[in-house]
């Protein structure tokens, strides 16, 4: 028997987007309320729910507009 997914199709997906360089937490509003966490390794992690693929692409355009190198984009599986 197969397991049904625990996520409904229209639920937002949680993502962690890692960037090279540090952003201060005040940038959270510019990134649609995602948490902005500078890491000790010189990167910043943006994390939080993203409504859909169009919203994800919008966030990635903002990263591009800042000129910060993108390290990774990872969907986070709820525990």
PDB file of N, CA and C in Angstrom:
ATOM      1  N   UNK A   1       0.842  -1.171   0.000  1.00  0.00           N
ATOM      2  CA  UNK A   1       0.000   0.000   0.000  1.00  0.00           C
ATOM      3  C   UNK A   1       0.892   1.239   0.000  1.00  0.00           C
ATOM      4  N   UNK A   2       0.578   2.192  -0.833  1.00  0.00           N
ATOM      5  CA  UNK A   2       1.388   3.412  -0.898  1.00  0.00           C
ATOM      6  C   UNK A   2       0.898   4.432   0.118  1.00  0.00           C
ATOM      7  N   UNK A   3       1.831   5.238   0.606  1.00  0.00           N
ATOM      8  CA  UNK A   3       1.481   6.301   1.557  1.00  0.00           C
ATOM      9  C   UNK A   3       1.037   7.522   0.794  1.00  0.00           C
ATOM     10  N   UNK A   4       0.012   8.156   1.291  1.00  0.00           N
ATOM     11  CA  UNK A   4      -0.425   9.416   0.708  1.00  0.00           C
ATOM     12  C   UNK A   4       0.477  10.529   1.197  1.00  0.00           C
ATOM     13  N   UNK A   5       0.744  11.524   0.375  1.00  0.00           N
ATOM     14  CA  UNK A   5       1.579  12.635   0.834  1.00  0.00           C
ATOM     15  C   UNK A   5       0.893  13.377   1.976  1.00  0.00           C
ATOM     16  N   UNK A   6       1.708  13.866   2.917  1.00  0.00           N
ATOM     17  CA  UNK A   6       1.157  14.604   4.054  1.00  0.00           C
ATOM     18  C   UNK A   6       0.900  16.056   3.696  1.00  0.00           C
ATOM     19  N   UNK A   7       1.419  16.495   2.571  1.00  0.00           N
ATOM     20  CA  UNK A   7       1.263  17.876   2.135  1.00  0.00           C
ATOM     21  C   UNK A   7       0.195  17.950   1.066  1.00  0.00           C
ATOM     22  N   UNK A   8      -0.726  18.867   1.216  1.00  0.00           N
ATOM     23  CA  UNK A   8      -1.729  19.080   0.175  1.00  0.00           C
ATOM     24  C   UNK A   8      -1.094  19.870  -0.962  1.00  0.00           C
ATOM     25  N   UNK A   9      -1.617  19.722  -2.183  1.00  0.00           N
ATOM     26  CA  UNK A   9      -0.983  20.379  -3.339  1.00  0.00           C
ATOM     27  C   UNK A   9      -0.867  21.893  -3.238  1.00  0.00           C
ATOM     28  N   UNK A  10      -1.759  22.539  -2.496  1.00  0.00           N
ATOM     29  CA  UNK A  10      -1.734  23.999  -2.448  1.00  0.00           C
ATOM     30  C   UNK A  10      -1.072  24.546  -1.187  1.00  0.00           C
ATOM     31  N   UNK A  11      -0.520  23.649  -0.360  1.00  0.00           N
ATOM     32  CA  UNK A  11       0.212  24.112   0.815  1.00  0.00           C
ATOM     33  C   UNK A  11       1.553  24.687   0.382  1.00  0.00           C
ATOM     34  N   UNK A  12       2.014  25.748   1.044  1.00  0.00           N
ATOM     35  CA  UNK A  12       3.346  26.272   0.714  1.00  0.00           C
ATOM     36  C   UNK A  12       4.419  25.239   1.054  1.00  0.00           C
ATOM     37  N   UNK A  13       5.501  25.275   0.322  1.00  0.00           N
ATOM     38  CA  UNK A  13       6.659  24.419   0.597  1.00  0.00           C
ATOM     39  C   UNK A  13       7.682  25.239   1.352  1.00  0.00           C
ATOM     40  N   UNK A  14       8.274  24.642   2.377  1.00  0.00           N
ATOM     41  CA  UNK A  14       9.353  25.301   3.117  1.00  0.00           C
ATOM     42  C   UNK A  14      10.641  25.162   2.316  1.00  0.00           C
ATOM     43  N   UNK A  15      11.399  26.251   2.234  1.00  0.00           N
ATOM     44  CA  UNK A  15      12.680  26.241   1.523  1.00  0.00           C
ATOM     45  C   UNK A  15      13.767  26.849   2.391  1.00  0.00           C
ATOM     46  N   UNK A  16      14.990  26.393   2.159  1.00  0.00           N
ATOM     47  CA  UNK A  16      16.189  27.050   2.673  1.00  0.00           C
ATOM     48  C   UNK A  16      17.004  27.472   1.455  1.00  0.00           C
ATOM     49  N   UNK A  17      17.244  28.765   1.359  1.00  0.00           N
ATOM     50  CA  UNK A  17      18.019  29.323   0.254  1.00  0.00           C
ATOM     51  C   UNK A  17      19.299  29.889   0.858  1.00  0.00           C
ATOM     52  N   UNK A  18      20.436  29.339   0.448  1.00  0.00           N
ATOM     53  CA  UNK A  18      21.728  29.766   1.014  1.00  0.00           C
ATOM     54  C   UNK A  18      22.454  30.655   0.017  1.00  0.00           C
ATOM     55  N   UNK A  19      22.964  31.784   0.509  1.00  0.00           N
ATOM     56  CA  UNK A  19      23.666  32.780  -0.298  1.00  0.00           C
ATOM     57  C   UNK A  19      25.065  33.002   0.247  1.00  0.00           C
ATOM     58  N   UNK A  20      25.997  33.364  -0.611  1.00  0.00           N
ATOM     59  CA  UNK A  20      27.319  33.772  -0.160  1.00  0.00           C
ATOM     60  C   UNK A  20      27.226  35.224   0.292  1.00  0.00           C
ATOM     61  N   UNK A  21      27.788  35.512   1.453  1.00  0.00           N
ATOM     62  CA  UNK A  21      27.743  36.861   2.008  1.00  0.00           C
ATOM     63  C   UNK A  21      26.719  36.955   3.127  1.00  0.00           C
ATOM     64  N   UNK A  22      26.790  38.041   3.854  1.00  0.00           N
ATOM     65  CA  UNK A  22      25.877  38.231   4.982  1.00  0.00           C
ATOM     66  C   UNK A  22      24.844  39.303   4.687  1.00  0.00           C
ATOM     67  N   UNK A  23      23.601  38.979   4.987  1.00  0.00           N
ATOM     68  CA  UNK A  23      22.505  39.937   4.986  1.00  0.00           C
ATOM     69  C   UNK A  23      22.040  40.088   6.421  1.00  0.00           C
ATOM     70  N   UNK A  24      21.615  41.272   6.771  1.00  0.00           N
ATOM     71  CA  UNK A  24      21.074  41.485   8.113  1.00  0.00           C
ATOM     72  C   UNK A  24      19.608  41.064   8.136  1.00  0.00           C
ATOM     73  N   UNK A  25      19.107  40.668   9.313  1.00  0.00           N
ATOM     74  CA  UNK A  25      17.714  40.230   9.423  1.00  0.00           C
ATOM     75  C   UNK A  25      16.688  41.259   8.937  1.00  0.00           C
ATOM     76  N   UNK A  26      17.065  42.536   8.866  1.00  0.00           N
ATOM     77  CA  UNK A  26      16.120  43.558   8.404  1.00  0.00           C
ATOM     78  C   UNK A  26      15.688  43.343   6.955  1.00  0.00           C
ATOM     79  N   UNK A  27      16.405  42.512   6.211  1.00  0.00           N
ATOM     80  CA  UNK A  27      16.049  42.204   4.830  1.00  0.00           C
ATOM     81  C   UNK A  27      14.858  41.255   4.729  1.00  0.00           C
ATOM     82  N   UNK A  28      14.383  40.707   5.833  1.00  0.00           N
ATOM     83  CA  UNK A  28      13.287  39.728   5.815  1.00  0.00           C
ATOM     84  C   UNK A  28      12.053  40.256   5.092  1.00  0.00           C
ATOM     85  N   UNK A  29      11.716  41.518   5.277  1.00  0.00           N
ATOM     86  CA  UNK A  29      10.513  42.053   4.625  1.00  0.00           C
ATOM     87  C   UNK A  29      10.676  42.077   3.105  1.00  0.00           C
ATOM     88  N   UNK A  30      11.880  42.300   2.620  1.00  0.00           N
ATOM     89  CA  UNK A  30      12.129  42.321   1.180  1.00  0.00           C
ATOM     90  C   UNK A  30      12.015  40.918   0.580  1.00  0.00           C
ATOM     91  N   UNK A  31      12.245  39.906   1.427  1.00  0.00           N
ATOM     92  CA  UNK A  31      12.141  38.511   1.004  1.00  0.00           C
ATOM     93  C   UNK A  31      10.853  37.882   1.502  1.00  0.00           C
ATOM     94  N   UNK A  32       9.771  38.639   1.447  1.00  0.00           N
ATOM     95  CA  UNK A  32       8.430  38.143   1.764  1.00  0.00           C
ATOM     96  C   UNK A  32       8.322  37.505   3.141  1.00  0.00           C
ATOM     97  N   UNK A  33       9.034  38.066   4.115  1.00  0.00           N
ATOM     98  CA  UNK A  33       8.917  37.600   5.494  1.00  0.00           C
ATOM     99  C   UNK A  33       9.699  36.347   5.828  1.00  0.00           C
ATOM    100  N   UNK A  34      10.515  35.868   4.907  1.00  0.00           N
ATOM    101  CA  UNK A  34      11.341  34.697   5.225  1.00  0.00           C
ATOM    102  C   UNK A  34      12.344  35.093   6.304  1.00  0.00           C
ATOM    103  N   UNK A  35      12.757  34.131   7.112  1.00  0.00           N
ATOM    104  CA  UNK A  35      13.773  34.457   8.108  1.00  0.00           C
ATOM    105  C   UNK A  35      15.118  34.583   7.409  1.00  0.00           C
ATOM    106  N   UNK A  36      15.915  35.528   7.869  1.00  0.00           N
ATOM    107  CA  UNK A  36      17.229  35.812   7.294  1.00  0.00           C
ATOM    108  C   UNK A  36      18.243  35.576   8.402  1.00  0.00           C
ATOM    109  N   UNK A  37      19.067  34.530   8.222  1.00  0.00           N
ATOM    110  CA  UNK A  37      19.992  34.123   9.274  1.00  0.00           C
ATOM    111  C   UNK A  37      21.422  34.088   8.755  1.00  0.00           C
ATOM    112  N   UNK A  38      22.269  35.041   9.187  1.00  0.00           N
ATOM    113  CA  UNK A  38      23.686  34.975   8.819  1.00  0.00           C
ATOM    114  C   UNK A  38      24.338  33.772   9.517  1.00  0.00           C
ATOM    115  N   UNK A  39      25.182  33.044   8.800  1.00  0.00           N
ATOM    116  CA  UNK A  39      25.853  31.872   9.355  1.00  0.00           C
ATOM    117  C   UNK A  39      27.334  32.187   9.543  1.00  0.00           C
ATOM    118  N   UNK A  40      27.966  31.454  10.433  1.00  0.00           N
ATOM    119  CA  UNK A  40      29.376  31.711  10.751  1.00  0.00           C
ATOM    120  C   UNK A  40      30.319  31.374   9.598  1.00  0.00           C
ATOM    121  N   UNK A  41      29.835  30.644   8.593  1.00  0.00           N
ATOM    122  CA  UNK A  41      30.694  30.278   7.464  1.00  0.00           C
ATOM    123  C   UNK A  41      30.701  31.333   6.356  1.00  0.00           C
ATOM    124  N   UNK A  42      30.115  32.506   6.628  1.00  0.00           N
ATOM    125  CA  UNK A  42      30.122  33.588   5.654  1.00  0.00           C
ATOM    126  C   UNK A  42      28.935  33.559   4.703  1.00  0.00           C
ATOM    127  N   UNK A  43      27.957  32.706   4.992  1.00  0.00           N
ATOM    128  CA  UNK A  43      26.762  32.644   4.155  1.00  0.00           C
ATOM    129  C   UNK A  43      25.556  33.161   4.938  1.00  0.00           C
ATOM    130  N   UNK A  44      24.457  33.352   4.218  1.00  0.00           N
ATOM    131  CA  UNK A  44      23.179  33.714   4.826  1.00  0.00           C
ATOM    132  C   UNK A  44      22.151  32.692   4.370  1.00  0.00           C
ATOM    133  N   UNK A  45      21.281  32.274   5.290  1.00  0.00           N
ATOM    134  CA  UNK A  45      20.208  31.345   4.956  1.00  0.00           C
ATOM    135  C   UNK A  45      18.879  32.077   5.038  1.00  0.00           C
ATOM    136  N   UNK A  46      18.141  32.043   3.926  1.00  0.00           N
ATOM    137  CA  UNK A  46      16.758  32.512   3.908  1.00  0.00           C
ATOM    138  C   UNK A  46      15.901  31.271   4.068  1.00  0.00           C
ATOM    139  N   UNK A  47      14.980  31.284   5.017  1.00  0.00           N
ATOM    140  CA  UNK A  47      14.145  30.100   5.206  1.00  0.00           C
ATOM    141  C   UNK A  47      12.713  30.495   5.509  1.00  0.00           C
ATOM    142  N   UNK A  48      11.813  29.642   5.039  1.00  0.00           N
ATOM    143  CA  UNK A  48      10.407  29.868   5.289  1.00  0.00           C
ATOM    144  C   UNK A  48       9.549  29.295   4.186  1.00  0.00           C
ATOM    145  N   UNK A  49       8.234  29.479   4.320  1.00  0.00           N
ATOM    146  CA  UNK A  49       7.319  28.930   3.322  1.00  0.00           C
ATOM    147  C   UNK A  49       7.310  29.758   2.041  1.00  0.00           C
ATOM    148  N   UNK A  50       7.186  29.061   0.932  1.00  0.00           N
ATOM    149  CA  UNK A  50       7.080  29.701  -0.380  1.00  0.00           C
ATOM    150  C   UNK A  50       5.804  29.154  -1.023  1.00  0.00           C
ATOM    151  N   UNK A  51       4.919  30.042  -1.435  1.00  0.00           N
ATOM    152  CA  UNK A  51       3.582  29.659  -1.894  1.00  0.00           C
ATOM    153  C   UNK A  51       3.600  28.712  -3.089  1.00  0.00           C
ATOM    154  N   UNK A  52       4.456  28.986  -4.072  1.00  0.00           N
ATOM    155  CA  UNK A  52       4.462  28.177  -5.291  1.00  0.00           C
ATOM    156  C   UNK A  52       5.746  28.474  -6.069  1.00  0.00           C
ATOM    157  N   UNK A  53       5.880  27.838  -7.222  1.00  0.00           N
ATOM    158  CA  UNK A  53       7.088  28.004  -8.023  1.00  0.00           C
ATOM    159  C   UNK A  53       7.271  29.443  -8.508  1.00  0.00           C
ATOM    160  N   UNK A  54       6.180  30.117  -8.820  1.00  0.00           N
ATOM    161  CA  UNK A  54       6.289  31.514  -9.252  1.00  0.00           C
ATOM    162  C   UNK A  54       6.866  32.378  -8.134  1.00  0.00           C
ATOM    163  N   UNK A  55       6.429  32.140  -6.910  1.00  0.00           N
ATOM    164  CA  UNK A  55       6.960  32.890  -5.763  1.00  0.00           C
ATOM    165  C   UNK A  55       8.435  32.560  -5.538  1.00  0.00           C
ATOM    166  N   UNK A  56       8.809  31.300  -5.719  1.00  0.00           N
ATOM    167  CA  UNK A  56      10.214  30.899  -5.572  1.00  0.00           C
ATOM    168  C   UNK A  56      11.077  31.619  -6.603  1.00  0.00           C
ATOM    169  N   UNK A  57      10.615  31.673  -7.845  1.00  0.00           N
ATOM    170  CA  UNK A  57      11.372  32.374  -8.888  1.00  0.00           C
ATOM    171  C   UNK A  57      11.480  33.867  -8.576  1.00  0.00           C
ATOM    172  N   UNK A  58      10.438  34.447  -7.981  1.00  0.00           N
ATOM    173  CA  UNK A  58      10.493  35.852  -7.573  1.00  0.00           C
ATOM    174  C   UNK A  58      11.554  36.081  -6.509  1.00  0.00           C
ATOM    175  N   UNK A  59      11.649  35.168  -5.532  1.00  0.00           N
ATOM    176  CA  UNK A  59      12.689  35.284  -4.502  1.00  0.00           C
ATOM    177  C   UNK A  59      14.083  35.165  -5.125  1.00  0.00           C
ATOM    178  N   UNK A  60      14.230  34.242  -6.049  1.00  0.00           N
ATOM    179  CA  UNK A  60      15.533  34.049  -6.692  1.00  0.00           C
ATOM    180  C   UNK A  60      15.924  35.258  -7.540  1.00  0.00           C
ATOM    181  N   UNK A  61      14.946  35.927  -8.146  1.00  0.00           N
ATOM    182  CA  UNK A  61      15.251  37.172  -8.883  1.00  0.00           C
ATOM    183  C   UNK A  61      15.757  38.237  -7.925  1.00  0.00           C
ATOM    184  N   UNK A  62      15.195  38.301  -6.729  1.00  0.00           N
ATOM    185  CA  UNK A  62      15.658  39.294  -5.747  1.00  0.00           C
ATOM    186  C   UNK A  62      17.087  38.998  -5.312  1.00  0.00           C
ATOM    187  N   UNK A  63      17.402  37.716  -5.141  1.00  0.00           N
ATOM    188  CA  UNK A  63      18.780  37.324  -4.818  1.00  0.00           C
ATOM    189  C   UNK A  63      19.705  37.789  -5.936  1.00  0.00           C
ATOM    190  N   UNK A  64      19.305  37.536  -7.172  1.00  0.00           N
ATOM    191  CA  UNK A  64      20.104  37.970  -8.322  1.00  0.00           C
ATOM    192  C   UNK A  64      20.290  39.483  -8.324  1.00  0.00           C
ATOM    193  N   UNK A  65      19.209  40.218  -8.043  1.00  0.00           N
ATOM    194  CA  UNK A  65      19.266  41.679  -8.060  1.00  0.00           C
ATOM    195  C   UNK A  65      20.231  42.229  -7.012  1.00  0.00           C
ATOM    196  N   UNK A  66      20.408  41.510  -5.904  1.00  0.00           N
ATOM    197  CA  UNK A  66      21.372  41.928  -4.880  1.00  0.00           C
ATOM    198  C   UNK A  66      22.806  41.627  -5.288  1.00  0.00           C
ATOM    199  N   UNK A  67      22.978  40.748  -6.260  1.00  0.00           N
ATOM    200  CA  UNK A  67      24.314  40.393  -6.717  1.00  0.00           C
ATOM    201  C   UNK A  67      25.026  39.416  -5.795  1.00  0.00           C
ATOM    202  N   UNK A  68      24.261  38.743  -4.938  1.00  0.00           N
ATOM    203  CA  UNK A  68      24.875  37.754  -4.048  1.00  0.00           C
ATOM    204  C   UNK A  68      24.865  36.383  -4.718  1.00  0.00           C
ATOM    205  N   UNK A  69      25.989  35.667  -4.696  1.00  0.00           N
ATOM    206  CA  UNK A  69      26.016  34.343  -5.309  1.00  0.00           C
ATOM    207  C   UNK A  69      25.094  33.369  -4.577  1.00  0.00           C
ATOM    208  N   UNK A  70      24.346  32.610  -5.351  1.00  0.00           N
ATOM    209  CA  UNK A  70      23.441  31.595  -4.824  1.00  0.00           C
ATOM    210  C   UNK A  70      24.237  30.321  -4.586  1.00  0.00           C
ATOM    211  N   UNK A  71      24.139  29.765  -3.378  1.00  0.00           N
ATOM    212  CA  UNK A  71      24.846  28.535  -3.049  1.00  0.00           C
ATOM    213  C   UNK A  71      23.927  27.324  -3.243  1.00  0.00           C
ATOM    214  N   UNK A  72      22.702  27.415  -2.690  1.00  0.00           N
ATOM    215  CA  UNK A  72      21.783  26.282  -2.806  1.00  0.00           C
ATOM    216  C   UNK A  72      20.345  26.711  -2.564  1.00  0.00           C
ATOM    217  N   UNK A  73      19.432  25.916  -3.116  1.00  0.00           N
ATOM    218  CA  UNK A  73      18.001  26.056  -2.880  1.00  0.00           C
ATOM    219  C   UNK A  73      17.496  24.663  -2.535  1.00  0.00           C
ATOM    220  N   UNK A  74      17.030  24.487  -1.288  1.00  0.00           N
ATOM    221  CA  UNK A  74      16.656  23.164  -0.831  1.00  0.00           C
ATOM    222  C   UNK A  74      15.253  23.180  -0.248  1.00  0.00           C
ATOM    223  N   UNK A  75      14.344  22.341  -0.780  1.00  0.00           N
ATOM    224  CA  UNK A  75      13.039  22.223  -0.124  1.00  0.00           C
ATOM    225  C   UNK A  75      13.233  21.448   1.188  1.00  0.00           C
ATOM    226  N   UNK A  76      12.581  21.900   2.231  1.00  0.00           N
ATOM    227  CA  UNK A  76      12.725  21.279   3.546  1.00  0.00           C
ATOM    228  C   UNK A  76      11.505  20.412   3.797  1.00  0.00           C
ATOM    229  N   UNK A  77      11.744  19.140   4.078  1.00  0.00           N
ATOM    230  CA  UNK A  77      10.659  18.226   4.375  1.00  0.00           C
ATOM    231  C   UNK A  77      10.213  18.413   5.817  1.00  0.00           C
ATOM    232  N   UNK A  78       8.898  18.635   6.033  1.00  0.00           N
ATOM    233  CA  UNK A  78       8.423  18.785   7.406  1.00  0.00           C
ATOM    234  C   UNK A  78       8.683  17.515   8.207  1.00  0.00           C
ATOM    235  N   UNK A  79       9.024  17.685   9.466  1.00  0.00           N
ATOM    236  CA  UNK A  79       9.319  16.495  10.294  1.00  0.00           C
ATOM    237  C   UNK A  79       8.059  15.933  10.888  1.00  0.00           C
TER     238      UNK A  79
END
